[in-house]
C-alpha atoms as a PDB file:
ATOM      1  CA  MET A   1     114.814 110.527 109.792  1.00  0.00           C
ATOM      2  CA  ARG A   2     113.159 107.567 111.398  1.00  0.00           C
ATOM      3  CA  HIS A   3     116.382 105.764 112.240  1.00  0.00           C
ATOM      4  CA  TYR A   4     118.864 108.614 112.442  1.00  0.00           C
ATOM      5  CA  LEU A   5     116.724 110.904 114.582  1.00  0.00           C
ATOM      6  CA  ASP A   6     114.474 108.237 116.116  1.00  0.00           C
ATOM      7  CA  LEU A   7     111.309 110.005 114.933  1.00  0.00           C
ATOM      8  CA  SER A   8     107.857 108.492 114.570  1.00  0.00           C
ATOM      9  CA  ASP A   9     105.889 108.608 111.322  1.00  0.00           C
ATOM     10  CA  ALA A  10     103.756 111.376 112.854  1.00  0.00           C
ATOM     11  CA  GLU A  11     106.813 113.447 113.758  1.00  0.00           C
ATOM     12  CA  ILE A  12     108.316 113.013 110.300  1.00  0.00           C
ATOM     13  CA  ALA A  13     105.007 113.944 108.694  1.00  0.00           C
ATOM     14  CA  GLU A  14     104.804 117.103 110.760  1.00  0.00           C
ATOM     15  CA  ALA A  15     108.396 118.071 109.940  1.00  0.00           C
ATOM     16  CA  MET A  16     107.857 117.459 106.209  1.00  0.00           C
ATOM     17  CA  ARG A  17     104.323 118.873 106.206  1.00  0.00           C
ATOM     18  CA  VAL A  18     102.850 115.765 104.611  1.00  0.00           C
ATOM     19  CA  ARG A  19     100.398 113.088 105.746  1.00  0.00           C
ATOM     20  CA  GLN A  20     101.537 110.063 107.726  1.00  0.00           C
ATOM     21  CA  SER A  21     100.445 107.806 104.877  1.00  0.00           C
ATOM     22  CA  THR A  22     102.821 109.704 102.582  1.00  0.00           C
ATOM     23  CA  VAL A  23     105.671 109.155 105.036  1.00  0.00           C
ATOM     24  CA  ARG A  24     104.926 105.426 105.196  1.00  0.00           C
ATOM     25  CA  SER A  25     104.809 105.072 101.413  1.00  0.00           C
ATOM     26  CA  MET A  26     108.038 107.060 101.016  1.00  0.00           C
ATOM     27  CA  ILE A  27     109.762 104.813 103.558  1.00  0.00           C
ATOM     28  CA  ALA A  28     108.428 101.676 101.845  1.00  0.00           C
ATOM     29  CA  ARG A  29     109.661 102.847  98.421  1.00  0.00           C
ATOM     30  CA  ALA A  30     113.070 103.793  99.822  1.00  0.00           C
ATOM     31  CA  LEU A  31     113.447 100.441 101.569  1.00  0.00           C
ATOM     32  CA  ALA A  32     112.451  98.554  98.415  1.00  0.00           C
ATOM     33  CA  ARG A  33     115.011 100.502  96.396  1.00  0.00           C
ATOM     34  CA  LEU A  34     117.716  99.888  98.999  1.00  0.00           C
ATOM     35  CA  LEU A  35     117.024  96.154  99.032  1.00  0.00           C
ATOM     36  CA  ARG A  36     117.019  96.076  95.218  1.00  0.00           C
ATOM     37  CA  GLU A  37     120.342  97.938  95.074  1.00  0.00           C
ATOM     38  CA  LEU A  38     121.927  95.719  97.709  1.00  0.00           C
ATOM     39  CA  GLY A  39     120.690  92.628  95.915  1.00  0.00           C
ATOM     40  CA  GLU A  40     122.419  93.683  92.715  1.00  0.00           C
ATOM     41  CA  HIS A  41     125.740  93.982  94.535  1.00  0.00           C
ATOM     42  CA  ALA A  42     125.538  90.806  96.619  1.00  0.00           C
END
């Protein structure tokens, strides 16, 4: 949502009905997984 819709953490949190800290941790976990997956295929 952040990159595709250009939304801030606050806007994502409101849309998902979660706290901003939850949004940030979800993004961090997703990015870590993406980097791990890409690293396995490089």
